[in-house]
């Protein structure tokens, strides 16, 4: 899978696009274009076909305009990708006051990020090492930090907790997307795959040689009705991650 890296475009141009400090207007007689319209078309293309299909030419085709007309608004694909990322980050709700305890707030954030990846699987093709410095990404980070502000963590620990939650969701969402894509790409369902392999496995399986794997694998398969359930992995893992954060908070001396 090809990985795209944000921030590869010209920094000044990318930031101007992200914060809309240099929006251009359509020229008379030309189809009405804007950065927002171009970005929405690019996101729709990536949603449908993945980032490998993303190009200025394909976006222009989707909009019914000439490729060169896009460059009046967006310098190139690297800058376009930055704005696409920031645009979808704006989809997660960020209410001013979320009732409940920190654990419930973090769970809400995890589920919002999980849903975001499932809506836009191409996000998993973008390296997360360098953040997009746009308004929506900044507001999202601020909102997520406020969920745990004032509960006894240091600023570094707050950042680390959000990194832990979002990193966990990223990993489990990748499994969910790959599981959903497997049937479409291979043309066979999980049930069909297992049915095709079962006769061979029954002849070579040796429970005495691999007793633990045989026992656990059978129990998991019977319970999940699959070799792997991304939904179970998410629910089980989220509870364990939150338990770990709770243990960290409980270590704090309330008198200090």
C-alpha atoms as a PDB file:
ATOM      1  CA  UNK A   1       0.000   0.000   0.000  1.00  0.00           C
ATOM      2  CA  UNK A   2       1.379   3.377  -1.024  1.00  0.00           C
ATOM      3  CA  UNK A   3       1.872   5.812   1.838  1.00  0.00           C
ATOM      4  CA  UNK A   4       1.468   9.536   1.270  1.00  0.00           C
ATOM      5  CA  UNK A   5       3.278  12.096   3.404  1.00  0.00           C
ATOM      6  CA  UNK A   6       1.571  15.379   4.257  1.00  0.00           C
ATOM      7  CA  UNK A   7       3.529  18.602   4.330  1.00  0.00           C
ATOM      8  CA  UNK A   8       5.488  17.896   1.140  1.00  0.00           C
ATOM      9  CA  UNK A   9       4.225  21.015  -0.616  1.00  0.00           C
ATOM     10  CA  UNK A  10       5.400  24.566  -0.275  1.00  0.00           C
ATOM     11  CA  UNK A  11       4.844  25.509   3.408  1.00  0.00           C
ATOM     12  CA  UNK A  12       3.686  29.060   2.691  1.00  0.00           C
ATOM     13  CA  UNK A  13       1.241  27.947   0.033  1.00  0.00           C
ATOM     14  CA  UNK A  14      -0.067  25.025   2.092  1.00  0.00           C
ATOM     15  CA  UNK A  15      -0.680  27.194   5.138  1.00  0.00           C
ATOM     16  CA  UNK A  16      -2.345  29.859   3.011  1.00  0.00           C
ATOM     17  CA  UNK A  17      -4.695  27.215   1.641  1.00  0.00           C
ATOM     18  CA  UNK A  18      -5.345  25.609   5.014  1.00  0.00           C
ATOM     19  CA  UNK A  19      -6.254  28.910   6.640  1.00  0.00           C
ATOM     20  CA  UNK A  20      -7.824  30.360   3.462  1.00  0.00           C
ATOM     21  CA  UNK A  21      -5.762  33.530   3.582  1.00  0.00           C
ATOM     22  CA  UNK A  22      -5.461  33.829  -0.197  1.00  0.00           C
ATOM     23  CA  UNK A  23      -8.740  32.546  -1.675  1.00  0.00           C
ATOM     24  CA  UNK A  24      -9.069  33.366  -5.349  1.00  0.00           C
ATOM     25  CA  UNK A  25     -12.274  34.184  -7.149  1.00  0.00           C
ATOM     26  CA  UNK A  26     -13.474  32.613 -10.373  1.00  0.00           C
ATOM     27  CA  UNK A  27     -12.652  34.353 -13.593  1.00  0.00           C
ATOM     28  CA  UNK A  28     -15.610  35.602 -15.575  1.00  0.00           C
ATOM     29  CA  UNK A  29     -16.941  33.063 -18.038  1.00  0.00           C
ATOM     30  CA  UNK A  30     -15.275  30.113 -16.297  1.00  0.00           C
ATOM     31  CA  UNK A  31     -17.072  27.439 -14.266  1.00  0.00           C
ATOM     32  CA  UNK A  32     -17.378  28.543 -10.661  1.00  0.00           C
ATOM     33  CA  UNK A  33     -14.520  27.020  -8.717  1.00  0.00           C
ATOM     34  CA  UNK A  34     -13.160  27.427  -5.220  1.00  0.00           C
ATOM     35  CA  UNK A  35     -10.695  25.685  -2.952  1.00  0.00           C
ATOM     36  CA  UNK A  36     -13.616  24.177  -1.023  1.00  0.00           C
ATOM     37  CA  UNK A  37     -15.232  22.736  -4.128  1.00  0.00           C
ATOM     38  CA  UNK A  38     -11.957  21.271  -5.379  1.00  0.00           C
ATOM     39  CA  UNK A  39     -11.225  19.729  -1.982  1.00  0.00           C
ATOM     40  CA  UNK A  40     -14.692  18.174  -1.733  1.00  0.00           C
ATOM     41  CA  UNK A  41     -14.256  16.599  -5.171  1.00  0.00           C
ATOM     42  CA  UNK A  42     -10.824  15.270  -4.206  1.00  0.00           C
ATOM     43  CA  UNK A  43     -12.186  13.732  -0.998  1.00  0.00           C
ATOM     44  CA  UNK A  44     -15.032  12.070  -2.905  1.00  0.00           C
ATOM     45  CA  UNK A  45     -12.525  10.632  -5.378  1.00  0.00           C
ATOM     46  CA  UNK A  46     -10.273   9.309  -2.603  1.00  0.00           C
ATOM     47  CA  UNK A  47     -13.273   7.841  -0.753  1.00  0.00           C
ATOM     48  CA  UNK A  48     -14.330   5.967  -3.875  1.00  0.00           C
ATOM     49  CA  UNK A  49     -10.978   4.843  -5.271  1.00  0.00           C
ATOM     50  CA  UNK A  50      -8.250   5.471  -2.690  1.00  0.00           C
ATOM     51  CA  UNK A  51      -5.296   7.841  -2.756  1.00  0.00           C
ATOM     52  CA  UNK A  52      -3.657   5.981  -5.641  1.00  0.00           C
ATOM     53  CA  UNK A  53      -6.361   7.428  -7.893  1.00  0.00           C
ATOM     54  CA  UNK A  54      -5.876  10.980  -6.674  1.00  0.00           C
ATOM     55  CA  UNK A  55      -4.410  13.394  -9.216  1.00  0.00           C
ATOM     56  CA  UNK A  56      -5.133  16.911 -10.330  1.00  0.00           C
ATOM     57  CA  UNK A  57      -6.341  15.528 -13.661  1.00  0.00           C
ATOM     58  CA  UNK A  58      -8.830  13.134 -12.059  1.00  0.00           C
ATOM     59  CA  UNK A  59     -10.168  15.849  -9.763  1.00  0.00           C
ATOM     60  CA  UNK A  60     -10.605  18.160 -12.738  1.00  0.00           C
ATOM     61  CA  UNK A  61     -12.484  15.445 -14.614  1.00  0.00           C
ATOM     62  CA  UNK A  62     -14.790  14.999 -11.644  1.00  0.00           C
ATOM     63  CA  UNK A  63     -15.510  18.731 -11.658  1.00  0.00           C
ATOM     64  CA  UNK A  64     -15.899  18.894 -15.428  1.00  0.00           C
ATOM     65  CA  UNK A  65     -13.139  21.468 -15.901  1.00  0.00           C
ATOM     66  CA  UNK A  66      -9.683  21.572 -17.421  1.00  0.00           C
ATOM     67  CA  UNK A  67      -6.802  20.410 -15.266  1.00  0.00           C
ATOM     68  CA  UNK A  68      -4.930  23.697 -15.545  1.00  0.00           C
ATOM     69  CA  UNK A  69      -7.889  25.618 -14.105  1.00  0.00           C
ATOM     70  CA  UNK A  70      -7.312  23.903 -10.744  1.00  0.00           C
ATOM     71  CA  UNK A  71      -3.853  25.405 -10.401  1.00  0.00           C
ATOM     72  CA  UNK A  72      -5.420  28.843 -10.065  1.00  0.00           C
ATOM     73  CA  UNK A  73      -6.643  27.687  -6.653  1.00  0.00           C
ATOM     74  CA  UNK A  74      -4.375  24.804  -5.576  1.00  0.00           C
ATOM     75  CA  UNK A  75      -0.629  24.755  -6.372  1.00  0.00           C
ATOM     76  CA  UNK A  76      -0.471  20.980  -6.690  1.00  0.00           C
ATOM     77  CA  UNK A  77      -1.317  17.558  -5.282  1.00  0.00           C
ATOM     78  CA  UNK A  78       0.854  17.846  -2.118  1.00  0.00           C
ATOM     79  CA  UNK A  79      -0.945  21.014  -1.011  1.00  0.00           C
ATOM     80  CA  UNK A  80      -4.301  19.502  -1.997  1.00  0.00           C
ATOM     81  CA  UNK A  81      -3.669  16.488   0.233  1.00  0.00           C
ATOM     82  CA  UNK A  82      -2.944  18.752   3.204  1.00  0.00           C
ATOM     83  CA  UNK A  83      -6.245  20.561   2.772  1.00  0.00           C
ATOM     84  CA  UNK A  84      -8.136  17.278   2.278  1.00  0.00           C
ATOM     85  CA  UNK A  85      -6.817  16.024   5.608  1.00  0.00           C
ATOM     86  CA  UNK A  86      -7.766  19.186   7.430  1.00  0.00           C
ATOM     87  CA  UNK A  87     -11.199  19.174   5.812  1.00  0.00           C
ATOM     88  CA  UNK A  88     -12.130  15.681   7.037  1.00  0.00           C
ATOM     89  CA  UNK A  89     -10.726  16.426  10.497  1.00  0.00           C
ATOM     90  CA  UNK A  90     -13.450  19.046  10.713  1.00  0.00           C
ATOM     91  CA  UNK A  91     -16.117  16.328  10.530  1.00  0.00           C
ATOM     92  CA  UNK A  92     -15.710  15.094  14.093  1.00  0.00           C
ATOM     93  CA  UNK A  93     -18.152  16.818  16.466  1.00  0.00           C
ATOM     94  CA  UNK A  94     -16.633  19.075  19.100  1.00  0.00           C
ATOM     95  CA  UNK A  95     -19.311  20.223  21.550  1.00  0.00           C
ATOM     96  CA  UNK A  96     -18.260  22.896  24.007  1.00  0.00           C
ATOM     97  CA  UNK A  97     -19.443  20.985  27.058  1.00  0.00           C
ATOM     98  CA  UNK A  98     -19.467  17.178  27.070  1.00  0.00           C
ATOM     99  CA  UNK A  99     -21.028  15.790  30.257  1.00  0.00           C
ATOM    100  CA  UNK A 100     -19.614  12.774  32.029  1.00  0.00           C
ATOM    101  CA  UNK A 101     -16.243  11.641  33.333  1.00  0.00           C
ATOM    102  CA  UNK A 102     -12.927  11.755  31.504  1.00  0.00           C
ATOM    103  CA  UNK A 103     -13.245   8.066  30.627  1.00  0.00           C
ATOM    104  CA  UNK A 104     -16.540   8.609  28.841  1.00  0.00           C
ATOM    105  CA  UNK A 105     -15.111  11.606  27.017  1.00  0.00           C
ATOM    106  CA  UNK A 106     -12.103   9.639  25.806  1.00  0.00           C
ATOM    107  CA  UNK A 107     -14.345   6.797  24.696  1.00  0.00           C
ATOM    108  CA  UNK A 108     -16.387   9.279  22.690  1.00  0.00           C
ATOM    109  CA  UNK A 109     -13.223  10.604  21.050  1.00  0.00           C
ATOM    110  CA  UNK A 110     -12.084   7.074  20.190  1.00  0.00           C
ATOM    111  CA  UNK A 111     -15.422   6.238  18.580  1.00  0.00           C
ATOM    112  CA  UNK A 112     -15.457   9.507  16.633  1.00  0.00           C
ATOM    113  CA  UNK A 113     -12.007   8.754  15.225  1.00  0.00           C
ATOM    114  CA  UNK A 114     -12.985   5.139  14.458  1.00  0.00           C
ATOM    115  CA  UNK A 115     -16.005   6.358  12.479  1.00  0.00           C
ATOM    116  CA  UNK A 116     -13.848   8.922  10.658  1.00  0.00           C
ATOM    117  CA  UNK A 117     -11.464   6.221   9.399  1.00  0.00           C
ATOM    118  CA  UNK A 118     -14.344   4.035   8.246  1.00  0.00           C
ATOM    119  CA  UNK A 119     -15.855   6.973   6.319  1.00  0.00           C
ATOM    120  CA  UNK A 120     -12.520   7.864   4.756  1.00  0.00           C
ATOM    121  CA  UNK A 121     -10.318   4.722   4.569  1.00  0.00           C
ATOM    122  CA  UNK A 122      -7.707   6.629   2.571  1.00  0.00           C
ATOM    123  CA  UNK A 123      -6.702   8.366   5.802  1.00  0.00           C
ATOM    124  CA  UNK A 124      -4.904   5.133   6.674  1.00  0.00           C
ATOM    125  CA  UNK A 125      -2.671   5.675   3.648  1.00  0.00           C
ATOM    126  CA  UNK A 126      -1.349   8.962   5.053  1.00  0.00           C
ATOM    127  CA  UNK A 127       1.658   8.961   7.381  1.00  0.00           C
ATOM    128  CA  UNK A 128       0.813  10.509  10.741  1.00  0.00           C
ATOM    129  CA  UNK A 129       4.324  11.511  11.834  1.00  0.00           C
ATOM    130  CA  UNK A 130       3.927  15.132  10.716  1.00  0.00           C
ATOM    131  CA  UNK A 131       0.636  16.804  11.581  1.00  0.00           C
ATOM    132  CA  UNK A 132      -1.307  19.020   9.239  1.00  0.00           C
ATOM    133  CA  UNK A 133      -1.210  22.513  10.741  1.00  0.00           C
ATOM    134  CA  UNK A 134      -4.674  23.584   9.677  1.00  0.00           C
ATOM    135  CA  UNK A 135      -7.604  25.071  11.605  1.00  0.00           C
ATOM    136  CA  UNK A 136      -9.635  21.865  11.809  1.00  0.00           C
ATOM    137  CA  UNK A 137      -6.688  19.704  12.857  1.00  0.00           C
ATOM    138  CA  UNK A 138      -5.765  22.277  15.511  1.00  0.00           C
ATOM    139  CA  UNK A 139      -9.336  22.503  16.806  1.00  0.00           C
ATOM    140  CA  UNK A 140      -9.617  18.703  16.903  1.00  0.00           C
ATOM    141  CA  UNK A 141      -6.419  18.392  18.948  1.00  0.00           C
ATOM    142  CA  UNK A 142      -7.552  21.143  21.325  1.00  0.00           C
ATOM    143  CA  UNK A 143     -10.935  19.477  21.822  1.00  0.00           C
ATOM    144  CA  UNK A 144      -9.366  16.091  22.525  1.00  0.00           C
ATOM    145  CA  UNK A 145      -6.958  17.587  25.058  1.00  0.00           C
ATOM    146  CA  UNK A 146      -9.777  19.384  26.862  1.00  0.00           C
ATOM    147  CA  UNK A 147     -11.392  15.994  27.496  1.00  0.00           C
ATOM    148  CA  UNK A 148      -8.628  15.221  29.991  1.00  0.00           C
ATOM    149  CA  UNK A 149      -7.633  18.691  31.157  1.00  0.00           C
ATOM    150  CA  UNK A 150      -7.648  19.127  34.924  1.00  0.00           C
ATOM    151  CA  UNK A 151      -7.651  15.440  35.897  1.00  0.00           C
ATOM    152  CA  UNK A 152      -4.119  15.423  37.311  1.00  0.00           C
ATOM    153  CA  UNK A 153      -1.984  14.740  34.257  1.00  0.00           C
ATOM    154  CA  UNK A 154       0.976  16.837  33.185  1.00  0.00           C
ATOM    155  CA  UNK A 155       0.871  18.560  29.800  1.00  0.00           C
ATOM    156  CA  UNK A 156       3.211  15.932  28.333  1.00  0.00           C
ATOM    157  CA  UNK A 157       1.063  13.131  29.748  1.00  0.00           C
ATOM    158  CA  UNK A 158      -2.051  14.732  28.268  1.00  0.00           C
ATOM    159  CA  UNK A 159      -0.430  14.787  24.836  1.00  0.00           C
ATOM    160  CA  UNK A 160       0.745  11.190  25.315  1.00  0.00           C
ATOM    161  CA  UNK A 161      -2.732   9.991  26.302  1.00  0.00           C
ATOM    162  CA  UNK A 162      -4.290  11.495  23.171  1.00  0.00           C
ATOM    163  CA  UNK A 163      -1.492   9.981  21.075  1.00  0.00           C
ATOM    164  CA  UNK A 164      -2.186   6.597  22.715  1.00  0.00           C
ATOM    165  CA  UNK A 165      -5.929   6.768  22.022  1.00  0.00           C
ATOM    166  CA  UNK A 166      -5.625   7.953  18.427  1.00  0.00           C
ATOM    167  CA  UNK A 167      -2.799   5.504  17.702  1.00  0.00           C
ATOM    168  CA  UNK A 168      -4.862   2.607  19.029  1.00  0.00           C
ATOM    169  CA  UNK A 169      -7.838   3.634  16.894  1.00  0.00           C
ATOM    170  CA  UNK A 170      -5.607   3.992  13.834  1.00  0.00           C
ATOM    171  CA  UNK A 171      -4.352   0.426  14.218  1.00  0.00           C
ATOM    172  CA  UNK A 172      -7.727  -1.204  14.795  1.00  0.00           C
ATOM    173  CA  UNK A 173      -9.346   0.847  12.037  1.00  0.00           C
ATOM    174  CA  UNK A 174      -6.713  -0.433   9.616  1.00  0.00           C
ATOM    175  CA  UNK A 175      -7.758  -3.975  10.503  1.00  0.00           C
ATOM    176  CA  UNK A 176     -11.418  -3.101   9.976  1.00  0.00           C
ATOM    177  CA  UNK A 177     -10.790  -1.529   6.577  1.00  0.00           C
ATOM    178  CA  UNK A 178      -8.578  -4.402   5.429  1.00  0.00           C
ATOM    179  CA  UNK A 179     -11.200  -6.907   6.564  1.00  0.00           C
ATOM    180  CA  UNK A 180     -13.924  -5.068   4.664  1.00  0.00           C
ATOM    181  CA  UNK A 181     -11.769  -4.808   1.547  1.00  0.00           C
ATOM    182  CA  UNK A 182     -10.674  -8.456   1.568  1.00  0.00           C
ATOM    183  CA  UNK A 183     -13.969  -9.798   0.240  1.00  0.00           C
ATOM    184  CA  UNK A 184     -14.189  -7.118  -2.442  1.00  0.00           C
ATOM    185  CA  UNK A 185     -10.618  -7.624  -3.643  1.00  0.00           C
ATOM    186  CA  UNK A 186     -10.530 -11.442  -3.515  1.00  0.00           C
ATOM    187  CA  UNK A 187     -14.144 -12.062  -4.486  1.00  0.00           C
ATOM    188  CA  UNK A 188     -14.734 -14.524  -1.647  1.00  0.00           C
ATOM    189  CA  UNK A 189     -16.144 -14.053   1.833  1.00  0.00           C
ATOM    190  CA  UNK A 190     -14.435 -15.129   5.068  1.00  0.00           C
ATOM    191  CA  UNK A 191     -16.847 -18.059   5.293  1.00  0.00           C
ATOM    192  CA  UNK A 192     -15.959 -19.181   1.762  1.00  0.00           C
ATOM    193  CA  UNK A 193     -12.246 -18.796   2.481  1.00  0.00           C
ATOM    194  CA  UNK A 194     -12.463 -20.986   5.571  1.00  0.00           C
ATOM    195  CA  UNK A 195     -14.624 -23.547   3.794  1.00  0.00           C
ATOM    196  CA  UNK A 196     -12.026 -23.839   1.037  1.00  0.00           C
ATOM    197  CA  UNK A 197      -9.172 -24.345   3.508  1.00  0.00           C
ATOM    198  CA  UNK A 198     -10.985 -26.516   6.063  1.00  0.00           C
ATOM    199  CA  UNK A 199     -10.476 -29.905   4.309  1.00  0.00           C
ATOM    200  CA  UNK A 200      -6.723 -29.344   4.083  1.00  0.00           C
ATOM    201  CA  UNK A 201      -6.429 -28.011   7.622  1.00  0.00           C
ATOM    202  CA  UNK A 202      -8.301 -30.993   9.035  1.00  0.00           C
ATOM    203  CA  UNK A 203      -5.622 -33.299   7.573  1.00  0.00           C
ATOM    204  CA  UNK A 204      -2.570 -31.375   8.798  1.00  0.00           C
ATOM    205  CA  UNK A 205      -3.821 -29.888  12.067  1.00  0.00           C
ATOM    206  CA  UNK A 206      -2.001 -31.451  15.003  1.00  0.00           C
ATOM    207  CA  UNK A 207      -3.521 -30.455  18.342  1.00  0.00           C
ATOM    208  CA  UNK A 208      -0.848 -32.386  20.234  1.00  0.00           C
ATOM    209  CA  UNK A 209       1.944 -30.411  18.580  1.00  0.00           C
ATOM    210  CA  UNK A 210       0.246 -27.003  18.909  1.00  0.00           C
ATOM    211  CA  UNK A 211      -2.118 -27.513  21.837  1.00  0.00           C
ATOM    212  CA  UNK A 212      -2.434 -23.902  22.949  1.00  0.00           C
ATOM    213  CA  UNK A 213      -2.936 -22.517  19.450  1.00  0.00           C
ATOM    214  CA  UNK A 214      -5.512 -25.217  18.703  1.00  0.00           C
ATOM    215  CA  UNK A 215      -7.471 -24.598  21.880  1.00  0.00           C
ATOM    216  CA  UNK A 216      -7.421 -20.804  21.767  1.00  0.00           C
ATOM    217  CA  UNK A 217      -7.948 -20.584  18.029  1.00  0.00           C
ATOM    218  CA  UNK A 218     -10.987 -22.819  18.207  1.00  0.00           C
ATOM    219  CA  UNK A 219     -12.469 -20.872  21.126  1.00  0.00           C
ATOM    220  CA  UNK A 220     -11.924 -17.517  19.408  1.00  0.00           C
ATOM    221  CA  UNK A 221     -13.277 -18.777  16.101  1.00  0.00           C
ATOM    222  CA  UNK A 222     -16.422 -20.144  17.710  1.00  0.00           C
ATOM    223  CA  UNK A 223     -17.027 -16.956  19.691  1.00  0.00           C
ATOM    224  CA  UNK A 224     -16.248 -14.458  16.927  1.00  0.00           C
ATOM    225  CA  UNK A 225     -17.390 -16.598  14.002  1.00  0.00           C
ATOM    226  CA  UNK A 226     -14.185 -15.508  12.271  1.00  0.00           C
ATOM    227  CA  UNK A 227     -10.431 -15.668  12.665  1.00  0.00           C
ATOM    228  CA  UNK A 228     -10.416 -11.941  13.352  1.00  0.00           C
ATOM    229  CA  UNK A 229     -13.132  -9.480  14.327  1.00  0.00           C
ATOM    230  CA  UNK A 230     -12.103  -5.813  14.026  1.00  0.00           C
ATOM    231  CA  UNK A 231     -15.136  -4.730  16.043  1.00  0.00           C
ATOM    232  CA  UNK A 232     -14.193  -7.054  18.918  1.00  0.00           C
ATOM    233  CA  UNK A 233     -10.565  -5.914  18.716  1.00  0.00           C
ATOM    234  CA  UNK A 234     -11.691  -2.299  18.975  1.00  0.00           C
ATOM    235  CA  UNK A 235     -14.080  -2.823  21.890  1.00  0.00           C
ATOM    236  CA  UNK A 236     -11.725  -5.079  23.864  1.00  0.00           C
ATOM    237  CA  UNK A 237      -8.681  -2.917  23.205  1.00  0.00           C
ATOM    238  CA  UNK A 238     -10.420   0.353  24.009  1.00  0.00           C
ATOM    239  CA  UNK A 239     -11.449  -0.925  27.436  1.00  0.00           C
ATOM    240  CA  UNK A 240      -7.892  -2.054  28.167  1.00  0.00           C
ATOM    241  CA  UNK A 241      -6.386   1.264  27.011  1.00  0.00           C
ATOM    242  CA  UNK A 242      -8.803   3.219  29.195  1.00  0.00           C
ATOM    243  CA  UNK A 243      -8.015   0.905  32.128  1.00  0.00           C
ATOM    244  CA  UNK A 244      -4.330   1.707  31.693  1.00  0.00           C
ATOM    245  CA  UNK A 245      -4.972   5.459  31.640  1.00  0.00           C
ATOM    246  CA  UNK A 246      -7.116   5.092  34.758  1.00  0.00           C
ATOM    247  CA  UNK A 247      -4.264   3.286  36.510  1.00  0.00           C
ATOM    248  CA  UNK A 248      -1.950   6.181  35.621  1.00  0.00           C
ATOM    249  CA  UNK A 249      -4.389   8.713  37.066  1.00  0.00           C
ATOM    250  CA  UNK A 250      -4.916   6.641  40.206  1.00  0.00           C
ATOM    251  CA  UNK A 251      -1.174   6.767  40.896  1.00  0.00           C
ATOM    252  CA  UNK A 252      -1.441  10.476  41.557  1.00  0.00           C
ATOM    253  CA  UNK A 253      -1.456  11.626  45.166  1.00  0.00           C
ATOM    254  CA  UNK A 254      -4.620  13.788  45.461  1.00  0.00           C
ATOM    255  CA  UNK A 255      -3.005  15.813  48.258  1.00  0.00           C
ATOM    256  CA  UNK A 256      -0.178  17.092  46.039  1.00  0.00           C
END
